[in-house]
Amino acid sequence: MLIRIGSKEELKHLWGNSNSPTEMYFIDGIEKGNIEFWTVENELDNSLVGELYIFWNSEDKDEANGKDRAYLCAFRVEKEFQGLGIGKILMQRVLNRVKEKGFRETTIGADNDNAERLTCMYKSWGFSELIKLQNTDYHCLDKNNNPTYYEIPYALYLNKL
């Protein structure tokens, strides 16, 4: 497995070339240097089996402030590759990247679909401080380019690097 920065073309492929507002928002962020797309490549067939995004700045300054706090999101490992430690290696590499850029903190949201499992996993990687519960996801846009609002809030956790 190779952990590396992915390309916009690879992001488009992973997201099904949907040209959704969220996909276009991520591509724009990559082009402007606010987002880094990290991926795990299966070297046997060159397929991408994991992804994680770093936001250096966010509309929500509790997430990322452009100075010393970055935000991680869209952390995924393909189902058949889960439980093999790939996600942990990807996370460690991305956290090292955040430190390399001079940031001292990073945040991550635990979505409601797998909140208990994600919270346990994130805490084991140092995301131990609950910053807040939030309803608005500024990085998932609806068809009108508005942030997604969730009735049930999800947790935002902090990792002091």
N, C-alpha and C. Protein backbone atom coordinates (compact mmCIF):
# COMPACT_ATOMS: atom_id res chain seq x y z
N MET A 1 0.84 -1.18 0.00
CA MET A 1 0.00 0.00 0.00
C MET A 1 0.88 1.25 0.00
N LEU A 2 0.51 2.18 -0.84
CA LEU A 2 1.25 3.43 -0.98
C LEU A 2 0.35 4.58 -0.53
N ILE A 3 0.84 5.37 0.42
CA ILE A 3 0.09 6.54 0.90
C ILE A 3 0.71 7.77 0.27
N ARG A 4 -0.14 8.57 -0.38
CA ARG A 4 0.37 9.71 -1.14
C ARG A 4 -0.73 10.74 -1.34
N ILE A 5 -0.33 11.91 -1.82
CA ILE A 5 -1.31 12.93 -2.21
C ILE A 5 -1.93 12.50 -3.53
N GLY A 6 -3.25 12.56 -3.60
CA GLY A 6 -3.96 12.19 -4.81
C GLY A 6 -4.19 13.38 -5.73
N SER A 7 -4.58 13.09 -6.93
CA SER A 7 -4.83 14.13 -7.93
C SER A 7 -6.33 14.46 -8.00
N LYS A 8 -6.63 15.59 -8.63
CA LYS A 8 -8.04 15.97 -8.84
C LYS A 8 -8.74 14.91 -9.69
N GLU A 9 -8.05 14.36 -10.67
CA GLU A 9 -8.64 13.34 -11.53
C GLU A 9 -8.99 12.09 -10.72
N GLU A 10 -8.11 11.73 -9.79
CA GLU A 10 -8.39 10.56 -8.94
C GLU A 10 -9.57 10.84 -8.02
N LEU A 11 -9.67 12.05 -7.51
CA LEU A 11 -10.82 12.42 -6.68
C LEU A 11 -12.10 12.28 -7.50
N LYS A 12 -12.10 12.82 -8.70
CA LYS A 12 -13.28 12.73 -9.57
C LYS A 12 -13.67 11.28 -9.81
N HIS A 13 -12.68 10.43 -10.05
CA HIS A 13 -12.97 9.02 -10.28
C HIS A 13 -13.56 8.37 -9.03
N LEU A 14 -12.95 8.64 -7.86
CA LEU A 14 -13.46 8.07 -6.61
C LEU A 14 -14.89 8.51 -6.34
N TRP A 15 -15.21 9.74 -6.69
CA TRP A 15 -16.53 10.30 -6.41
C TRP A 15 -17.50 10.06 -7.56
N GLY A 16 -17.09 9.24 -8.53
CA GLY A 16 -17.99 8.87 -9.61
C GLY A 16 -18.21 9.95 -10.66
N ASN A 17 -17.29 10.92 -10.76
CA ASN A 17 -17.43 12.00 -11.73
C ASN A 17 -18.83 12.60 -11.70
N SER A 18 -19.32 12.80 -10.50
CA SER A 18 -20.71 13.26 -10.33
C SER A 18 -20.89 14.75 -10.62
N ASN A 19 -19.79 15.51 -10.53
CA ASN A 19 -19.86 16.97 -10.66
C ASN A 19 -20.85 17.58 -9.67
N SER A 20 -21.05 16.90 -8.55
CA SER A 20 -21.94 17.41 -7.51
C SER A 20 -21.35 18.69 -6.93
N PRO A 21 -22.17 19.51 -6.29
CA PRO A 21 -21.62 20.70 -5.64
C PRO A 21 -20.50 20.38 -4.65
N THR A 22 -20.64 19.28 -3.92
CA THR A 22 -19.59 18.91 -2.95
C THR A 22 -18.31 18.53 -3.67
N GLU A 23 -18.41 17.71 -4.72
CA GLU A 23 -17.22 17.33 -5.47
C GLU A 23 -16.53 18.57 -6.05
N MET A 24 -17.29 19.47 -6.61
CA MET A 24 -16.72 20.68 -7.21
C MET A 24 -16.10 21.58 -6.13
N TYR A 25 -16.71 21.62 -4.95
CA TYR A 25 -16.17 22.39 -3.81
C TYR A 25 -14.81 21.83 -3.41
N PHE A 26 -14.68 20.50 -3.35
CA PHE A 26 -13.42 19.88 -2.98
C PHE A 26 -12.36 20.16 -4.05
N ILE A 27 -12.72 20.04 -5.31
CA ILE A 27 -11.77 20.29 -6.39
C ILE A 27 -11.29 21.75 -6.35
N ASP A 28 -12.22 22.67 -6.15
CA ASP A 28 -11.86 24.09 -6.05
C ASP A 28 -10.91 24.32 -4.88
N GLY A 29 -11.17 23.67 -3.74
CA GLY A 29 -10.30 23.79 -2.58
C GLY A 29 -8.90 23.26 -2.83
N ILE A 30 -8.80 22.17 -3.59
CA ILE A 30 -7.49 21.62 -3.96
C ILE A 30 -6.77 22.60 -4.87
N GLU A 31 -7.48 23.12 -5.85
CA GLU A 31 -6.86 24.06 -6.80
C GLU A 31 -6.36 25.31 -6.09
N LYS A 32 -7.07 25.76 -5.08
CA LYS A 32 -6.70 26.98 -4.36
C LYS A 32 -5.70 26.72 -3.22
N GLY A 33 -5.36 25.45 -2.97
CA GLY A 33 -4.39 25.12 -1.94
C GLY A 33 -4.94 25.04 -0.53
N ASN A 34 -6.26 25.09 -0.38
CA ASN A 34 -6.86 24.98 0.96
C ASN A 34 -7.11 23.53 1.37
N ILE A 35 -7.13 22.62 0.42
CA ILE A 35 -7.41 21.21 0.69
C ILE A 35 -6.28 20.36 0.12
N GLU A 36 -5.87 19.35 0.90
CA GLU A 36 -4.99 18.30 0.39
C GLU A 36 -5.76 16.99 0.44
N PHE A 37 -5.70 16.27 -0.66
CA PHE A 37 -6.36 14.97 -0.81
C PHE A 37 -5.31 13.89 -0.66
N TRP A 38 -5.43 13.10 0.40
CA TRP A 38 -4.50 12.00 0.66
C TRP A 38 -5.21 10.69 0.37
N THR A 39 -4.48 9.75 -0.20
CA THR A 39 -5.08 8.49 -0.58
C THR A 39 -4.16 7.31 -0.27
N VAL A 40 -4.77 6.14 -0.27
CA VAL A 40 -4.04 4.88 -0.15
C VAL A 40 -4.21 4.15 -1.47
N GLU A 41 -3.10 3.83 -2.08
CA GLU A 41 -3.13 3.12 -3.37
C GLU A 41 -2.74 1.66 -3.15
N ASN A 42 -3.56 0.77 -3.67
CA ASN A 42 -3.24 -0.66 -3.67
C ASN A 42 -2.25 -0.87 -4.82
N GLU A 43 -1.01 -1.17 -4.47
CA GLU A 43 0.03 -1.28 -5.49
C GLU A 43 -0.13 -2.51 -6.38
N LEU A 44 -0.97 -3.46 -5.98
CA LEU A 44 -1.19 -4.64 -6.82
C LEU A 44 -1.93 -4.30 -8.10
N ASP A 45 -2.91 -3.37 -7.98
CA ASP A 45 -3.69 -3.02 -9.17
C ASP A 45 -3.85 -1.51 -9.36
N ASN A 46 -3.11 -0.73 -8.57
CA ASN A 46 -3.14 0.74 -8.64
C ASN A 46 -4.49 1.36 -8.30
N SER A 47 -5.37 0.60 -7.67
CA SER A 47 -6.67 1.15 -7.28
C SER A 47 -6.52 1.94 -5.98
N LEU A 48 -7.41 2.91 -5.79
CA LEU A 48 -7.41 3.70 -4.56
C LEU A 48 -8.38 3.06 -3.58
N VAL A 49 -7.89 2.76 -2.38
CA VAL A 49 -8.70 2.04 -1.41
C VAL A 49 -8.97 2.85 -0.14
N GLY A 50 -8.45 4.07 -0.07
CA GLY A 50 -8.68 4.92 1.08
C GLY A 50 -8.49 6.37 0.72
N GLU A 51 -9.11 7.26 1.53
CA GLU A 51 -8.99 8.69 1.29
C GLU A 51 -9.18 9.45 2.59
N LEU A 52 -8.54 10.62 2.65
CA LEU A 52 -8.66 11.53 3.78
C LEU A 52 -8.25 12.91 3.29
N TYR A 53 -8.99 13.92 3.70
CA TYR A 53 -8.78 15.28 3.23
C TYR A 53 -8.38 16.19 4.38
N ILE A 54 -7.40 17.05 4.12
CA ILE A 54 -6.97 18.07 5.08
C ILE A 54 -7.49 19.41 4.60
N PHE A 55 -8.23 20.10 5.45
CA PHE A 55 -8.62 21.49 5.20
C PHE A 55 -7.73 22.35 6.07
N TRP A 56 -7.02 23.28 5.46
CA TRP A 56 -6.15 24.17 6.22
C TRP A 56 -6.95 25.31 6.84
N ASN A 57 -8.08 25.63 6.23
CA ASN A 57 -8.95 26.69 6.73
C ASN A 57 -10.40 26.26 6.48
N SER A 58 -11.31 26.75 7.31
CA SER A 58 -12.72 26.38 7.18
C SER A 58 -13.59 27.58 7.50
N GLU A 59 -14.80 27.57 6.99
CA GLU A 59 -15.78 28.58 7.35
C GLU A 59 -16.03 28.56 8.85
N ASP A 60 -15.95 27.37 9.43
CA ASP A 60 -16.11 27.18 10.87
C ASP A 60 -14.71 27.17 11.50
N LYS A 61 -14.35 28.23 12.17
CA LYS A 61 -13.00 28.38 12.74
C LYS A 61 -12.72 27.39 13.86
N ASP A 62 -13.77 26.77 14.43
CA ASP A 62 -13.53 25.70 15.40
C ASP A 62 -12.92 24.48 14.70
N GLU A 63 -13.23 24.30 13.41
CA GLU A 63 -12.67 23.19 12.64
C GLU A 63 -11.23 23.47 12.23
N ALA A 64 -11.04 24.57 11.51
CA ALA A 64 -9.71 24.95 11.01
C ALA A 64 -9.65 26.46 10.88
N ASN A 65 -8.50 27.01 11.25
CA ASN A 65 -8.41 28.48 11.26
C ASN A 65 -7.34 29.05 10.34
N GLY A 66 -6.67 28.21 9.55
CA GLY A 66 -5.67 28.71 8.62
C GLY A 66 -4.33 29.05 9.24
N LYS A 67 -4.20 28.89 10.57
CA LYS A 67 -2.95 29.25 11.25
C LYS A 67 -2.34 28.06 11.98
N ASP A 68 -3.09 27.52 12.93
CA ASP A 68 -2.51 26.44 13.74
C ASP A 68 -3.46 25.25 13.93
N ARG A 69 -4.65 25.31 13.33
CA ARG A 69 -5.62 24.22 13.46
C ARG A 69 -6.13 23.83 12.08
N ALA A 70 -5.99 22.55 11.73
CA ALA A 70 -6.48 21.99 10.47
C ALA A 70 -7.66 21.06 10.77
N TYR A 71 -8.44 20.79 9.73
CA TYR A 71 -9.62 19.94 9.84
C TYR A 71 -9.47 18.76 8.90
N LEU A 72 -9.78 17.56 9.38
CA LEU A 72 -9.75 16.35 8.57
C LEU A 72 -11.17 15.89 8.30
N CYS A 73 -11.42 15.45 7.08
CA CYS A 73 -12.77 14.95 6.78
C CYS A 73 -12.75 13.96 5.63
N ALA A 74 -13.91 13.35 5.41
CA ALA A 74 -14.13 12.36 4.36
C ALA A 74 -13.10 11.24 4.47
N PHE A 75 -12.92 10.73 5.68
CA PHE A 75 -11.98 9.63 5.94
C PHE A 75 -12.70 8.33 5.60
N ARG A 76 -12.17 7.63 4.59
CA ARG A 76 -12.80 6.38 4.15
C ARG A 76 -11.74 5.36 3.78
N VAL A 77 -12.03 4.11 4.11
CA VAL A 77 -11.26 2.97 3.62
C VAL A 77 -12.28 1.99 3.06
N GLU A 78 -12.02 1.50 1.85
CA GLU A 78 -12.94 0.55 1.22
C GLU A 78 -13.21 -0.63 2.16
N LYS A 79 -14.44 -1.09 2.17
CA LYS A 79 -14.91 -2.12 3.10
C LYS A 79 -13.96 -3.34 3.17
N GLU A 80 -13.56 -3.85 2.01
CA GLU A 80 -12.74 -5.07 2.00
C GLU A 80 -11.32 -4.84 2.54
N PHE A 81 -10.95 -3.57 2.76
CA PHE A 81 -9.62 -3.26 3.29
C PHE A 81 -9.69 -2.76 4.73
N GLN A 82 -10.86 -2.69 5.31
CA GLN A 82 -11.00 -2.25 6.69
C GLN A 82 -10.52 -3.35 7.64
N GLY A 83 -10.02 -2.93 8.80
CA GLY A 83 -9.55 -3.87 9.81
C GLY A 83 -8.13 -4.37 9.59
N LEU A 84 -7.44 -3.81 8.60
CA LEU A 84 -6.07 -4.23 8.28
C LEU A 84 -5.02 -3.23 8.74
N GLY A 85 -5.45 -2.14 9.39
CA GLY A 85 -4.53 -1.12 9.85
C GLY A 85 -4.21 -0.06 8.82
N ILE A 86 -4.84 -0.13 7.66
CA ILE A 86 -4.57 0.83 6.59
C ILE A 86 -5.03 2.23 6.99
N GLY A 87 -6.20 2.32 7.60
CA GLY A 87 -6.71 3.62 8.04
C GLY A 87 -5.80 4.27 9.06
N LYS A 88 -5.27 3.47 9.96
CA LYS A 88 -4.36 3.99 10.99
C LYS A 88 -3.09 4.55 10.35
N ILE A 89 -2.54 3.84 9.38
CA ILE A 89 -1.33 4.30 8.71
C ILE A 89 -1.61 5.58 7.93
N LEU A 90 -2.75 5.63 7.25
CA LEU A 90 -3.15 6.84 6.52
C LEU A 90 -3.28 8.01 7.49
N MET A 91 -3.96 7.79 8.60
CA MET A 91 -4.16 8.85 9.59
C MET A 91 -2.81 9.34 10.14
N GLN A 92 -1.91 8.42 10.47
CA GLN A 92 -0.60 8.81 11.00
C GLN A 92 0.17 9.66 9.99
N ARG A 93 0.11 9.27 8.72
CA ARG A 93 0.82 10.05 7.70
C ARG A 93 0.23 11.45 7.55
N VAL A 94 -1.10 11.53 7.58
CA VAL A 94 -1.76 12.83 7.44
C VAL A 94 -1.48 13.70 8.66
N LEU A 95 -1.51 13.14 9.85
CA LEU A 95 -1.19 13.92 11.04
C LEU A 95 0.25 14.43 10.98
N ASN A 96 1.16 13.61 10.47
CA ASN A 96 2.54 14.07 10.28
C ASN A 96 2.60 15.22 9.29
N ARG A 97 1.80 15.15 8.24
CA ARG A 97 1.76 16.23 7.25
C ARG A 97 1.27 17.53 7.88
N VAL A 98 0.25 17.43 8.71
CA VAL A 98 -0.28 18.62 9.40
C VAL A 98 0.82 19.25 10.24
N LYS A 99 1.58 18.42 10.96
CA LYS A 99 2.70 18.94 11.77
C LYS A 99 3.79 19.55 10.89
N GLU A 100 4.09 18.89 9.75
CA GLU A 100 5.10 19.41 8.83
C GLU A 100 4.76 20.82 8.37
N LYS A 101 3.47 21.10 8.22
CA LYS A 101 3.02 22.42 7.77
C LYS A 101 2.99 23.44 8.90
N GLY A 102 3.37 23.02 10.13
CA GLY A 102 3.45 23.94 11.25
C GLY A 102 2.17 24.09 12.05
N PHE A 103 1.19 23.26 11.79
CA PHE A 103 -0.06 23.30 12.55
C PHE A 103 0.11 22.49 13.82
N ARG A 104 -0.53 22.96 14.91
CA ARG A 104 -0.38 22.31 16.22
C ARG A 104 -1.59 21.50 16.65
N GLU A 105 -2.70 21.69 15.94
CA GLU A 105 -3.94 20.99 16.30
C GLU A 105 -4.66 20.56 15.02
N THR A 106 -5.47 19.53 15.18
CA THR A 106 -6.34 19.12 14.09
C THR A 106 -7.66 18.63 14.67
N THR A 107 -8.71 18.78 13.88
CA THR A 107 -10.04 18.35 14.31
C THR A 107 -10.59 17.35 13.31
N ILE A 108 -11.59 16.61 13.77
CA ILE A 108 -12.30 15.65 12.92
C ILE A 108 -13.71 15.49 13.45
N GLY A 109 -14.64 15.29 12.55
CA GLY A 109 -16.03 15.07 12.94
C GLY A 109 -16.37 13.59 12.92
N ALA A 110 -17.13 13.15 13.90
CA ALA A 110 -17.62 11.77 13.95
C ALA A 110 -19.08 11.78 13.52
N ASP A 111 -19.32 11.35 12.29
CA ASP A 111 -20.69 11.41 11.78
C ASP A 111 -21.61 10.46 12.53
N ASN A 112 -22.88 10.70 12.40
CA ASN A 112 -23.87 9.97 13.19
C ASN A 112 -24.06 8.52 12.76
N ASP A 113 -23.72 8.18 11.52
CA ASP A 113 -23.96 6.82 11.03
C ASP A 113 -23.14 5.79 11.81
N ASN A 114 -21.93 6.13 12.16
CA ASN A 114 -21.04 5.20 12.88
C ASN A 114 -20.38 5.89 14.07
N ALA A 115 -21.13 6.74 14.75
CA ALA A 115 -20.54 7.62 15.77
C ALA A 115 -19.78 6.85 16.85
N GLU A 116 -20.34 5.79 17.36
CA GLU A 116 -19.68 5.08 18.46
C GLU A 116 -18.36 4.45 18.02
N ARG A 117 -18.36 3.78 16.88
CA ARG A 117 -17.15 3.15 16.36
C ARG A 117 -16.11 4.21 15.99
N LEU A 118 -16.54 5.27 15.30
CA LEU A 118 -15.63 6.33 14.90
C LEU A 118 -15.03 7.04 16.10
N THR A 119 -15.85 7.35 17.09
CA THR A 119 -15.36 8.05 18.28
C THR A 119 -14.29 7.23 18.98
N CYS A 120 -14.51 5.95 19.11
CA CYS A 120 -13.53 5.06 19.75
C CYS A 120 -12.22 5.05 18.94
N MET A 121 -12.34 4.91 17.65
CA MET A 121 -11.16 4.88 16.78
C MET A 121 -10.42 6.21 16.82
N TYR A 122 -11.15 7.32 16.69
CA TYR A 122 -10.52 8.64 16.69
C TYR A 122 -9.84 8.93 18.02
N LYS A 123 -10.47 8.54 19.13
CA LYS A 123 -9.85 8.76 20.44
C LYS A 123 -8.54 7.99 20.55
N SER A 124 -8.47 6.79 19.98
CA SER A 124 -7.23 6.01 20.03
C SER A 124 -6.11 6.69 19.24
N TRP A 125 -6.47 7.61 18.34
CA TRP A 125 -5.47 8.33 17.54
C TRP A 125 -5.22 9.73 18.08
N GLY A 126 -5.75 10.04 19.27
CA GLY A 126 -5.45 11.31 19.91
C GLY A 126 -6.53 12.38 19.81
N PHE A 127 -7.64 12.08 19.16
CA PHE A 127 -8.75 13.04 19.07
C PHE A 127 -9.62 12.86 20.31
N SER A 128 -9.13 13.36 21.43
CA SER A 128 -9.75 13.03 22.71
C SER A 128 -10.62 14.13 23.29
N GLU A 129 -10.50 15.35 22.78
CA GLU A 129 -11.26 16.46 23.35
C GLU A 129 -12.47 16.80 22.48
N LEU A 130 -13.65 16.70 23.06
CA LEU A 130 -14.86 17.11 22.36
C LEU A 130 -14.91 18.63 22.34
N ILE A 131 -14.90 19.21 21.15
CA ILE A 131 -14.98 20.67 21.04
C ILE A 131 -16.44 21.11 21.10
N LYS A 132 -17.28 20.43 20.31
CA LYS A 132 -18.69 20.81 20.28
C LYS A 132 -19.49 19.78 19.49
N LEU A 133 -20.79 19.88 19.64
CA LEU A 133 -21.72 19.16 18.79
C LEU A 133 -22.20 20.17 17.75
N GLN A 134 -22.24 19.76 16.49
CA GLN A 134 -22.62 20.71 15.45
C GLN A 134 -23.62 20.09 14.49
N ASN A 135 -24.46 20.93 13.93
CA ASN A 135 -25.49 20.48 13.00
C ASN A 135 -25.14 20.79 11.54
N THR A 136 -24.26 21.74 11.32
CA THR A 136 -23.96 22.18 9.96
C THR A 136 -22.65 21.59 9.48
N ASP A 137 -22.70 20.98 8.29
CA ASP A 137 -21.50 20.47 7.63
C ASP A 137 -21.20 21.39 6.46
N TYR A 138 -20.21 22.24 6.64
CA TYR A 138 -19.84 23.23 5.62
C TYR A 138 -19.16 22.60 4.40
N HIS A 139 -18.82 21.34 4.49
CA HIS A 139 -18.05 20.68 3.44
C HIS A 139 -18.87 19.66 2.67
N CYS A 140 -20.15 19.63 2.91
CA CYS A 140 -21.09 18.80 2.16
C CYS A 140 -22.21 19.74 1.70
N LEU A 141 -22.25 20.00 0.40
CA LEU A 141 -23.17 21.01 -0.13
C LEU A 141 -24.36 20.37 -0.82
N ASP A 142 -25.51 21.04 -0.69
CA ASP A 142 -26.70 20.58 -1.40
C ASP A 142 -26.68 21.11 -2.83
N LYS A 143 -27.72 20.84 -3.58
CA LYS A 143 -27.76 21.21 -5.00
C LYS A 143 -27.73 22.73 -5.21
N ASN A 144 -28.03 23.50 -4.16
CA ASN A 144 -27.99 24.97 -4.23
C ASN A 144 -26.70 25.54 -3.65
N ASN A 145 -25.71 24.67 -3.41
CA ASN A 145 -24.42 25.05 -2.84
C ASN A 145 -24.51 25.54 -1.40
N ASN A 146 -25.52 25.11 -0.69
CA ASN A 146 -25.65 25.45 0.73
C ASN A 146 -25.11 24.31 1.59
N PRO A 147 -24.50 24.63 2.74
CA PRO A 147 -24.03 23.58 3.65
C PRO A 147 -25.19 22.69 4.10
N THR A 148 -24.87 21.44 4.36
CA THR A 148 -25.87 20.48 4.82
C THR A 148 -26.15 20.69 6.30
N TYR A 149 -27.43 20.69 6.65
CA TYR A 149 -27.85 20.81 8.04
C TYR A 149 -28.41 19.47 8.48
N TYR A 150 -27.94 18.97 9.63
CA TYR A 150 -28.40 17.70 10.18
C TYR A 150 -29.24 17.97 11.42
N GLU A 151 -30.38 17.34 11.49
CA GLU A 151 -31.26 17.47 12.67
C GLU A 151 -30.55 16.99 13.93
N ILE A 152 -29.86 15.88 13.79
CA ILE A 152 -29.12 15.32 14.93
C ILE A 152 -27.67 15.79 14.81
N PRO A 153 -27.17 16.50 15.81
CA PRO A 153 -25.79 17.02 15.71
C PRO A 153 -24.75 15.91 15.75
N TYR A 154 -23.61 16.18 15.16
CA TYR A 154 -22.49 15.25 15.21
C TYR A 154 -21.34 15.92 15.98
N ALA A 155 -20.42 15.09 16.46
CA ALA A 155 -19.35 15.56 17.35
C ALA A 155 -18.13 15.99 16.58
N LEU A 156 -17.50 17.07 17.04
CA LEU A 156 -16.24 17.56 16.52
C LEU A 156 -15.18 17.37 17.60
N TYR A 157 -14.13 16.61 17.28
CA TYR A 157 -13.07 16.27 18.24
C TYR A 157 -11.75 16.94 17.87
N LEU A 158 -10.97 17.24 18.90
CA LEU A 158 -9.67 17.91 18.75
C LEU A 158 -8.53 16.98 19.10
N ASN A 159 -7.45 17.08 18.32
CA ASN A 159 -6.21 16.39 18.60
C ASN A 159 -5.12 17.44 18.69
N LYS A 160 -4.49 17.56 19.86
CA LYS A 160 -3.36 18.48 20.02
C LYS A 160 -2.09 17.73 19.67
N LEU A 161 -1.47 18.14 18.59
CA LEU A 161 -0.31 17.42 18.05
C LEU A 161 0.97 17.69 18.82
